[in-house]
Amino acid sequence: MLLGYVDEKGVRRGAVRPAKDDALGLESGQGSSYRGATWALVDVVIVNSAGQQPWTPREAIFRGKRGATLPARVVTVGNGEIAPGASLRVLAVADTLPASVGEVFALEVRGSGGRSLVIPGVRFTEGDQ
């Protein structure tokens, strides 16, 4: 609290629906979004389909339907590379909050080989979920 990461409202949590891109061989499972006082985060597991090249998530960006963008850092739980047929927990962390509460974002996670996964319908809620 002293550093300003959490305020009296604590951390608010929301749900993130699964996404799939058959053409690029990537998909995500059900995930979670979190909103603190000065930051926002999405936590998902991404699967690299069997038969694909290994894939490493490298960068992420949140794109709002109203044109807003939030750059994000990618943090992985594990070695960072997803082997064919394997999965990896990926966190996308934005150090800036959306201008308006309830704005809907698409999270694009870009990675090696020019492949990316877009996860639509991400919200960072103000109230409790």
Protein backbone atom coordinates (compact mmCIF):
# COMPACT_ATOMS: atom_id res chain seq x y z
CA MET A 1 0.00 0.00 0.00
CA LEU A 2 2.82 2.39 0.79
CA LEU A 3 4.20 1.97 -2.72
CA GLY A 4 0.78 2.67 -4.27
CA TYR A 5 0.25 -0.71 -5.93
CA VAL A 6 -2.85 -1.46 -3.86
CA ASP A 7 -5.39 0.99 -2.49
CA GLU A 8 -8.33 0.64 -0.10
CA LYS A 9 -10.25 -1.24 -2.82
CA GLY A 10 -7.60 -3.98 -2.93
CA VAL A 11 -7.15 -5.98 -6.13
CA ARG A 12 -10.19 -6.52 -8.35
CA ARG A 13 -10.49 -9.72 -10.36
CA GLY A 14 -12.37 -10.58 -13.55
CA ALA A 15 -12.62 -13.54 -15.90
CA VAL A 16 -10.95 -13.82 -19.33
CA ARG A 17 -12.54 -16.20 -21.82
CA PRO A 18 -10.52 -18.75 -23.80
CA ALA A 19 -9.30 -17.83 -27.30
CA LYS A 20 -8.11 -19.95 -30.21
CA ASP A 21 -6.38 -19.31 -33.52
CA ASP A 22 -6.32 -22.56 -35.50
CA ALA A 23 -4.39 -21.00 -38.39
CA LEU A 24 -1.49 -19.99 -36.12
CA GLY A 25 -1.75 -23.01 -33.83
CA LEU A 26 -2.17 -21.09 -30.58
CA GLU A 27 -4.90 -21.05 -27.96
CA SER A 28 -5.48 -19.88 -24.41
CA GLY A 29 -7.57 -21.37 -21.65
CA GLN A 30 -9.85 -19.56 -19.23
CA GLY A 31 -7.85 -16.81 -17.55
CA SER A 32 -8.14 -13.99 -15.06
CA SER A 33 -7.72 -10.23 -15.15
CA TYR A 34 -6.57 -8.23 -12.15
CA ARG A 35 -6.68 -4.50 -11.48
CA GLY A 36 -4.69 -2.76 -8.76
CA ALA A 37 -4.42 0.92 -7.93
CA THR A 38 -1.93 1.68 -10.70
CA TRP A 39 -1.62 -1.50 -12.75
CA ALA A 40 -3.55 -4.19 -14.63
CA LEU A 41 -2.65 -7.80 -15.37
CA VAL A 42 -3.96 -10.77 -17.35
CA ASP A 43 -3.01 -14.32 -16.37
CA VAL A 44 -3.61 -17.06 -18.99
CA VAL A 45 -2.21 -20.40 -20.05
CA ILE A 46 -1.24 -20.49 -23.73
CA VAL A 47 -1.04 -23.78 -25.66
CA ASN A 48 1.12 -24.27 -28.75
CA SER A 49 -0.57 -26.90 -30.93
CA ALA A 50 1.19 -30.14 -31.79
CA GLY A 51 2.93 -29.97 -35.15
CA GLN A 52 3.84 -26.28 -34.76
CA GLN A 53 7.29 -24.79 -34.26
CA PRO A 54 8.28 -23.93 -30.68
CA TRP A 55 6.85 -20.52 -29.73
CA THR A 56 8.11 -17.90 -27.29
CA PRO A 57 5.85 -15.02 -26.20
CA ARG A 58 7.87 -11.79 -26.45
CA GLU A 59 5.56 -8.77 -26.11
CA ALA A 60 1.96 -7.86 -25.42
CA ILE A 61 -0.39 -4.96 -26.00
CA PHE A 62 -3.95 -4.26 -24.92
CA ARG A 63 -6.04 -2.65 -27.70
CA GLY A 64 -9.31 -0.99 -26.74
CA LYS A 65 -12.37 -0.92 -28.96
CA ARG A 66 -12.33 2.88 -28.67
CA GLY A 67 -8.72 3.13 -29.87
CA ALA A 68 -6.92 3.11 -26.52
CA THR A 69 -3.74 1.05 -26.26
CA LEU A 70 -1.91 -0.13 -23.18
CA PRO A 71 1.60 -1.49 -23.67
CA ALA A 72 2.33 -4.50 -21.47
CA ARG A 73 5.26 -6.55 -20.28
CA VAL A 74 5.23 -10.32 -20.74
CA VAL A 75 6.19 -12.50 -17.81
CA THR A 76 6.26 -16.28 -18.17
CA VAL A 77 6.17 -18.97 -15.54
CA GLY A 78 8.72 -21.46 -16.82
CA ASN A 79 11.47 -21.24 -19.41
CA GLY A 80 9.52 -18.98 -21.80
CA GLU A 81 9.42 -21.27 -24.82
CA ILE A 82 6.35 -23.38 -25.54
CA ALA A 83 7.20 -26.66 -27.25
CA PRO A 84 4.75 -28.15 -29.78
CA GLY A 85 1.83 -29.68 -27.88
CA ALA A 86 2.84 -27.96 -24.62
CA SER A 87 1.52 -25.02 -22.61
CA LEU A 88 2.92 -22.15 -20.56
CA ARG A 89 1.47 -19.71 -18.04
CA VAL A 90 1.78 -16.17 -19.39
CA LEU A 91 1.19 -12.89 -17.56
CA ALA A 92 0.67 -9.61 -19.44
CA VAL A 93 1.26 -6.65 -17.11
CA ALA A 94 0.28 -3.06 -17.92
CA ASP A 95 1.74 -0.35 -15.70
CA THR A 96 -0.94 2.10 -16.83
CA LEU A 97 -4.65 1.75 -16.18
CA PRO A 98 -7.33 2.22 -18.84
CA ALA A 99 -8.78 5.73 -18.99
CA SER A 100 -12.34 4.46 -18.50
CA VAL A 101 -13.52 1.66 -16.26
CA GLY A 102 -15.24 -1.15 -18.11
CA GLU A 103 -13.52 -0.55 -21.44
CA VAL A 104 -13.15 -3.78 -23.39
CA PHE A 105 -9.70 -4.71 -24.66
CA ALA A 106 -8.20 -7.33 -26.93
CA LEU A 107 -4.92 -8.65 -25.59
CA GLU A 108 -2.43 -9.44 -28.35
CA VAL A 109 0.49 -11.62 -27.28
CA ARG A 110 3.17 -11.53 -29.98
CA GLY A 111 5.90 -14.08 -30.19
CA SER A 112 8.59 -15.78 -32.17
CA GLY A 113 8.14 -16.71 -35.81
CA GLY A 114 5.70 -13.85 -36.39
CA ARG A 115 2.92 -15.76 -34.62
CA SER A 116 0.58 -14.07 -32.16
CA LEU A 117 -2.57 -14.82 -30.21
CA VAL A 118 -5.38 -12.29 -29.79
CA ILE A 119 -7.57 -12.73 -26.72
CA PRO A 120 -10.73 -10.59 -27.05
CA GLY A 121 -13.12 -9.34 -24.38
CA VAL A 122 -10.64 -8.42 -21.62
CA ARG A 123 -12.04 -6.04 -18.97
CA PHE A 124 -10.35 -4.53 -15.94
CA THR A 125 -13.20 -4.09 -13.51
CA GLU A 126 -13.51 -1.38 -10.88
CA GLY A 127 -15.80 -3.27 -8.54
CA ASP A 128 -15.58 -6.75 -7.06
CA GLN A 129 -16.28 -9.72 -9.31
